[in-house]
Protein backbone atom coordinates (compact mmCIF):
# COMPACT_ATOMS: atom_id res chain seq x y z
CA MET A 1 -28.20 0.11 11.31
CA PRO A 2 -24.88 1.00 13.03
CA SER A 3 -21.97 1.37 10.61
CA PHE A 4 -18.37 1.43 11.75
CA ARG A 5 -15.16 2.67 10.18
CA LEU A 6 -12.16 0.53 11.10
CA THR A 7 -8.51 1.45 10.73
CA LEU A 8 -6.45 -1.70 10.31
CA ALA A 9 -2.76 -2.50 10.57
CA TYR A 10 -1.24 -5.79 9.51
CA ASP A 11 2.00 -7.55 8.75
CA GLY A 12 1.29 -8.97 5.31
CA SER A 13 4.08 -11.56 5.38
CA ASP A 14 1.79 -14.51 6.07
CA PHE A 15 -1.35 -13.27 4.30
CA SER A 16 -2.36 -14.09 0.73
CA GLY A 17 -3.40 -10.48 0.28
CA SER A 18 -6.21 -8.47 1.80
CA GLN A 19 -9.17 -9.66 -0.27
CA VAL A 20 -10.98 -12.81 0.84
CA GLN A 21 -10.11 -15.95 -1.17
CA SER A 22 -11.24 -19.52 -0.75
CA ASN A 23 -8.72 -21.78 0.97
CA GLN A 24 -6.31 -18.87 1.53
CA ARG A 25 -5.47 -16.88 4.65
CA THR A 26 -6.40 -13.25 4.00
CA VAL A 27 -6.88 -10.07 6.02
CA GLN A 28 -10.55 -9.84 5.11
CA GLY A 29 -11.10 -13.50 5.94
CA GLU A 30 -9.57 -13.17 9.41
CA LEU A 31 -11.47 -9.94 10.12
CA GLU A 32 -14.82 -11.33 9.02
CA ALA A 33 -14.32 -14.49 11.07
CA VAL A 34 -14.03 -12.36 14.24
CA LEU A 35 -16.89 -10.07 13.21
CA GLY A 36 -19.08 -13.13 12.71
CA LYS A 37 -18.67 -13.95 16.39
CA LEU A 38 -19.92 -10.48 17.32
CA SER A 39 -23.02 -10.65 15.15
CA PRO A 40 -25.93 -13.11 14.80
CA ALA A 41 -25.42 -13.07 11.00
CA PRO A 42 -22.34 -13.12 8.73
CA VAL A 43 -20.68 -9.72 8.31
CA ARG A 44 -18.99 -8.49 5.15
CA ALA A 45 -16.21 -5.90 5.42
CA THR A 46 -15.60 -3.35 2.67
CA PHE A 47 -11.97 -2.25 2.23
CA ALA A 48 -10.53 1.00 0.89
CA GLY A 49 -8.14 -0.92 -1.34
CA ARG A 50 -6.57 -4.27 -2.03
CA THR A 51 -3.08 -5.21 -0.98
CA ASP A 52 -1.21 -8.11 -2.56
CA SER A 53 0.31 -11.10 -0.84
CA GLY A 54 3.20 -9.99 1.38
CA VAL A 55 2.23 -6.29 1.40
CA HIS A 56 1.71 -4.58 4.76
CA ALA A 57 -0.58 -1.83 6.03
CA ILE A 58 -0.75 0.57 8.93
CA GLY A 59 -3.61 2.68 7.55
CA GLN A 60 -6.00 0.35 5.76
CA VAL A 61 -9.63 1.46 6.15
CA ALA A 62 -12.67 -0.82 6.20
CA THR A 63 -16.34 -0.44 6.99
CA VAL A 64 -18.74 -2.94 8.55
CA GLU A 65 -22.37 -2.96 9.64
CA LEU A 66 -23.16 -4.55 13.01
CA PRO A 67 -26.91 -4.22 13.63
CA ALA A 68 -26.74 -6.02 16.98
CA TRP A 69 -23.83 -4.05 18.46
CA THR A 70 -24.98 -1.78 21.29
CA ALA A 71 -21.74 -1.17 23.19
CA THR A 72 -19.21 1.62 22.52
CA THR A 73 -16.74 1.88 19.68
CA GLN A 74 -13.90 1.42 22.17
CA GLU A 75 -15.43 -1.84 23.35
CA LEU A 76 -15.77 -2.96 19.74
CA GLN A 77 -12.07 -2.25 19.22
CA TYR A 78 -11.23 -4.31 22.33
CA ALA A 79 -13.46 -7.16 21.14
CA LEU A 80 -11.89 -7.19 17.69
CA ASN A 81 -8.33 -7.19 18.94
CA ALA A 82 -9.10 -9.93 21.47
CA GLY A 83 -10.07 -12.21 18.60
CA LEU A 84 -7.76 -11.11 15.78
CA PRO A 85 -4.41 -12.86 15.19
CA ASP A 86 -1.16 -11.22 16.25
CA ASP A 87 -0.36 -9.97 12.74
CA LEU A 88 -3.63 -8.03 12.35
CA ALA A 89 -5.01 -5.26 14.58
CA ALA A 90 -7.80 -2.71 14.64
CA THR A 91 -5.98 0.51 15.56
CA GLY A 92 -9.11 2.66 15.36
CA VAL A 93 -12.90 2.25 15.41
CA ALA A 94 -15.45 5.01 14.83
CA TYR A 95 -19.07 5.38 13.83
CA CYS A 96 -19.65 6.41 10.23
CA PRO A 97 -22.67 7.13 8.02
CA SER A 98 -24.09 4.08 6.26
CA SER A 99 -23.44 5.93 3.00
CA PHE A 100 -19.69 6.13 3.65
CA HIS A 101 -17.71 3.91 1.24
CA PRO A 102 -13.99 3.55 2.04
CA ARG A 103 -13.04 2.86 -1.57
CA PHE A 104 -15.22 5.27 -3.53
CA ASP A 105 -15.01 8.10 -0.99
CA ALA A 106 -11.21 7.99 -0.80
CA VAL A 107 -9.57 10.96 -2.54
CA TRP A 108 -6.00 9.74 -2.19
CA ARG A 109 -3.94 6.85 -0.88
CA GLU A 110 -0.36 6.86 0.34
CA TYR A 111 2.07 3.99 0.02
CA ARG A 112 5.59 3.82 1.40
CA TYR A 113 8.32 1.44 0.30
CA TRP A 114 11.51 0.61 2.20
CA ILE A 115 14.82 -0.27 0.57
CA ALA A 116 17.80 -1.33 2.69
CA PRO A 117 20.79 -1.95 0.37
CA GLY A 118 23.30 -4.51 1.62
CA VAL A 119 21.77 -4.81 5.09
CA ILE A 120 22.00 -8.08 7.00
CA SER A 121 18.95 -8.25 9.26
CA PRO A 122 16.55 -11.12 9.96
CA PHE A 123 13.97 -8.53 11.01
CA LEU A 124 14.26 -5.91 8.29
CA ARG A 125 14.07 -8.52 5.55
CA ARG A 126 10.33 -8.83 6.32
CA TYR A 127 9.73 -5.12 5.72
CA ALA A 128 12.26 -3.99 3.12
CA TRP A 129 13.79 -4.89 -0.20
CA ILE A 130 17.47 -5.62 0.40
CA PRO A 131 19.38 -5.29 -2.89
CA ARG A 132 23.09 -6.05 -2.77
CA SER A 133 24.28 -2.85 -4.46
CA GLU A 134 23.94 0.68 -3.12
CA VAL A 135 21.04 2.86 -4.25
CA ASN A 136 21.68 6.60 -4.64
CA ALA A 137 18.91 8.52 -2.89
CA ALA A 138 19.43 11.74 -4.87
CA SER A 139 19.02 9.91 -8.19
CA VAL A 140 15.90 8.15 -6.92
CA ARG A 141 14.49 11.48 -5.77
CA ALA A 142 15.15 13.06 -9.15
CA GLY A 143 13.41 10.23 -10.97
CA ALA A 144 10.48 10.16 -8.56
CA GLY A 145 9.80 13.86 -9.05
CA LEU A 146 9.04 13.24 -12.73
CA LEU A 147 6.01 11.14 -11.73
CA VAL A 148 4.20 14.02 -10.04
CA GLY A 149 1.19 15.20 -12.02
CA THR A 150 -1.47 13.57 -14.16
CA HIS A 151 -0.01 10.90 -16.43
CA ASP A 152 -0.84 7.74 -18.31
CA LEU A 153 0.86 5.16 -16.08
CA ALA A 154 0.40 2.12 -18.33
CA SER A 155 4.13 1.34 -18.16
CA PHE A 156 3.74 0.82 -14.43
CA ALA A 157 0.55 -1.30 -14.49
CA SER A 158 0.68 -5.08 -14.07
CA GLY A 159 -2.04 -7.69 -14.36
CA GLY A 160 -2.32 -7.28 -18.12
CA GLU A 161 -3.57 -3.70 -17.71
CA GLY A 162 -0.47 -1.95 -19.00
CA VAL A 163 -0.51 -3.18 -22.61
CA PRO A 164 -2.13 -1.29 -25.52
CA TRP A 165 -4.89 -3.89 -26.02
CA SER A 166 -5.93 -4.06 -22.37
CA ALA A 167 -9.62 -3.80 -21.53
CA ARG A 168 -8.56 -1.08 -19.08
CA THR A 169 -7.94 1.28 -22.02
CA LYS A 170 -11.68 1.25 -22.83
CA ARG A 171 -12.64 2.59 -19.40
CA PRO A 172 -13.18 6.34 -18.97
CA ARG A 173 -9.91 6.97 -17.11
CA GLY A 174 -7.96 4.15 -18.69
CA THR A 175 -4.55 3.98 -17.03
CA THR A 176 -4.37 7.72 -16.27
CA ARG A 177 -3.84 8.66 -12.65
CA THR A 178 -2.80 11.77 -10.73
CA VAL A 179 0.29 11.48 -8.54
CA PHE A 180 0.25 14.15 -5.83
CA LEU A 181 3.60 13.26 -4.26
CA ALA A 182 6.52 11.02 -5.19
CA ASP A 183 9.70 11.38 -3.19
CA CYS A 184 12.53 9.58 -1.42
CA ARG A 185 14.29 10.18 1.86
CA GLU A 186 16.80 8.38 4.06
CA ILE A 187 15.60 7.29 7.48
CA GLY A 188 17.29 5.49 10.36
CA VAL A 189 15.77 2.17 11.40
CA SER A 190 17.11 0.05 14.25
CA PHE A 191 15.75 -3.30 15.43
CA ALA A 192 18.69 -4.17 17.70
CA TRP A 193 22.02 -2.84 18.96
CA SER A 194 24.65 -2.46 16.28
CA GLU A 195 28.10 -0.91 16.04
CA ARG A 196 26.77 1.03 13.05
CA GLY A 197 23.82 2.34 15.04
CA ALA A 198 20.63 2.79 13.07
CA THR A 199 20.45 1.29 9.59
CA ASP A 200 20.03 3.75 6.74
CA VAL A 201 16.87 2.88 4.83
CA LEU A 202 15.53 4.59 1.74
CA GLU A 203 11.82 5.34 2.06
CA ILE A 204 9.96 6.00 -1.18
CA ARG A 205 6.57 7.69 -0.80
CA VAL A 206 3.91 7.69 -3.50
CA VAL A 207 0.58 9.46 -3.00
CA ALA A 208 -2.01 9.32 -5.78
CA ASP A 209 -5.74 9.62 -6.36
CA ALA A 210 -5.88 5.90 -7.28
CA PHE A 211 -3.53 3.07 -8.12
CA LEU A 212 -3.20 0.44 -10.83
CA PRO A 213 -2.19 -3.19 -10.11
CA ARG A 214 1.33 -3.28 -8.65
CA MET A 215 1.84 0.32 -9.68
CA VAL A 216 4.00 1.28 -6.70
CA ARG A 217 6.15 -1.84 -6.92
CA ASN A 218 6.75 -1.20 -10.63
CA ILE A 219 7.61 2.43 -9.90
CA VAL A 220 10.07 1.30 -7.23
CA GLY A 221 11.63 -1.21 -9.62
CA ALA A 222 12.27 1.62 -12.08
CA LEU A 223 13.60 3.98 -9.42
CA VAL A 224 16.06 1.36 -8.17
CA ASP A 225 17.38 0.99 -11.73
CA VAL A 226 17.90 4.75 -11.67
CA GLY A 227 19.42 4.72 -8.18
CA GLN A 228 21.89 2.01 -9.13
CA GLY A 229 23.00 3.83 -12.26
CA ARG A 230 21.55 1.50 -14.88
CA GLN A 231 19.26 4.28 -16.11
CA ASP A 232 19.21 8.07 -15.95
CA PRO A 233 16.41 9.83 -14.01
CA GLY A 234 14.96 10.99 -17.33
CA TRP A 235 14.14 7.35 -18.14
CA ILE A 236 11.06 7.73 -15.94
CA SER A 237 9.67 10.31 -18.38
CA GLU A 238 10.47 7.97 -21.27
CA LEU A 239 8.50 5.16 -19.62
CA LEU A 240 5.54 7.46 -19.11
CA ALA A 241 5.62 8.39 -22.79
CA LEU A 242 5.92 4.75 -23.95
CA ARG A 243 2.74 3.68 -22.09
CA ASP A 244 3.58 -0.01 -22.40
CA ARG A 245 4.30 -2.28 -19.44
CA ARG A 246 6.32 -4.66 -21.65
CA LEU A 247 9.02 -1.98 -21.88
CA GLY A 248 8.98 -1.21 -18.17
CA PRO A 249 11.10 -2.31 -15.19
CA VAL A 250 11.22 -5.46 -13.13
CA VAL A 251 8.64 -5.38 -10.32
CA ALA A 252 10.01 -4.78 -6.82
CA PRO A 253 9.31 -7.49 -4.20
CA PRO A 254 6.20 -7.10 -2.03
CA GLN A 255 7.68 -7.07 1.48
CA GLY A 256 8.97 -3.49 1.23
CA LEU A 257 5.53 -2.03 0.55
CA THR A 258 3.11 -0.63 3.13
CA LEU A 259 -0.29 0.99 2.64
CA TRP A 260 0.38 3.95 4.89
CA ARG A 261 -2.77 6.04 4.85
CA VAL A 262 -6.05 6.54 3.03
CA GLY A 263 -7.18 10.15 2.65
CA PHE A 264 -10.77 11.35 2.54
CA ASP A 265 -12.31 14.76 1.99
CA GLY A 266 -10.52 17.28 4.20
CA ASP A 267 -7.50 15.09 4.96
CA ILE A 268 -4.11 16.70 4.30
CA ILE A 269 -1.15 14.95 2.70
CA GLU A 270 1.80 15.23 5.07
CA ARG A 271 5.01 16.72 3.67
CA TYR A 272 8.48 15.90 4.89
């Protein structure tokens, strides 16, 4: 039975997350509706990871089985994009073994988060957190560096999974994850002409072997506290040691977050 690996990009602004939900518009729901028109039977897509409502992706990975598809992968990509809505696209289609599982075979995932302090932009507001006060990139970078390594990240886990009595603590890994990269850089983003030229945006990157609910958004919330001077960079180490979400930061809003890439065996994490 032919199995296909899809790379998906989407603007999450108008989706209620990636996972299919009844009576809600989701990425999986829209994708499966189009796939159903290309197959004599309903098709279920398997995703590499979930994204919350309002979160974007340029490197989401999904697999599907289409037993009746006999044309090329390029023609499948054309067929998908002809039926998908404007805020969802298949940017890549390839054959894959039926044993390939985009979630369980992933060895790392990369998320990026944009922060644009004090910016006035009707476009950027869909893709960045726009706090009123400035955020110091060097302080954010110093705090982010303390996350690299294998840690208990309970203080950064939402959904009831970051408290000492959580059922998550009884699982083999609990809330321990390995962060391969956590950094911050300034980039120039321009959506239209401006006397200032490109807008300076802080881009926070987090690459880890796996993620807990809202982990990146909680990390960003803490790093913004550091970048705005309310906490010292060393506070990040204190939060790791506390292992209690109740003592952690306010969660950052979803629109700044993008699932950038999913890495599998042999894939290399890009460095700045």
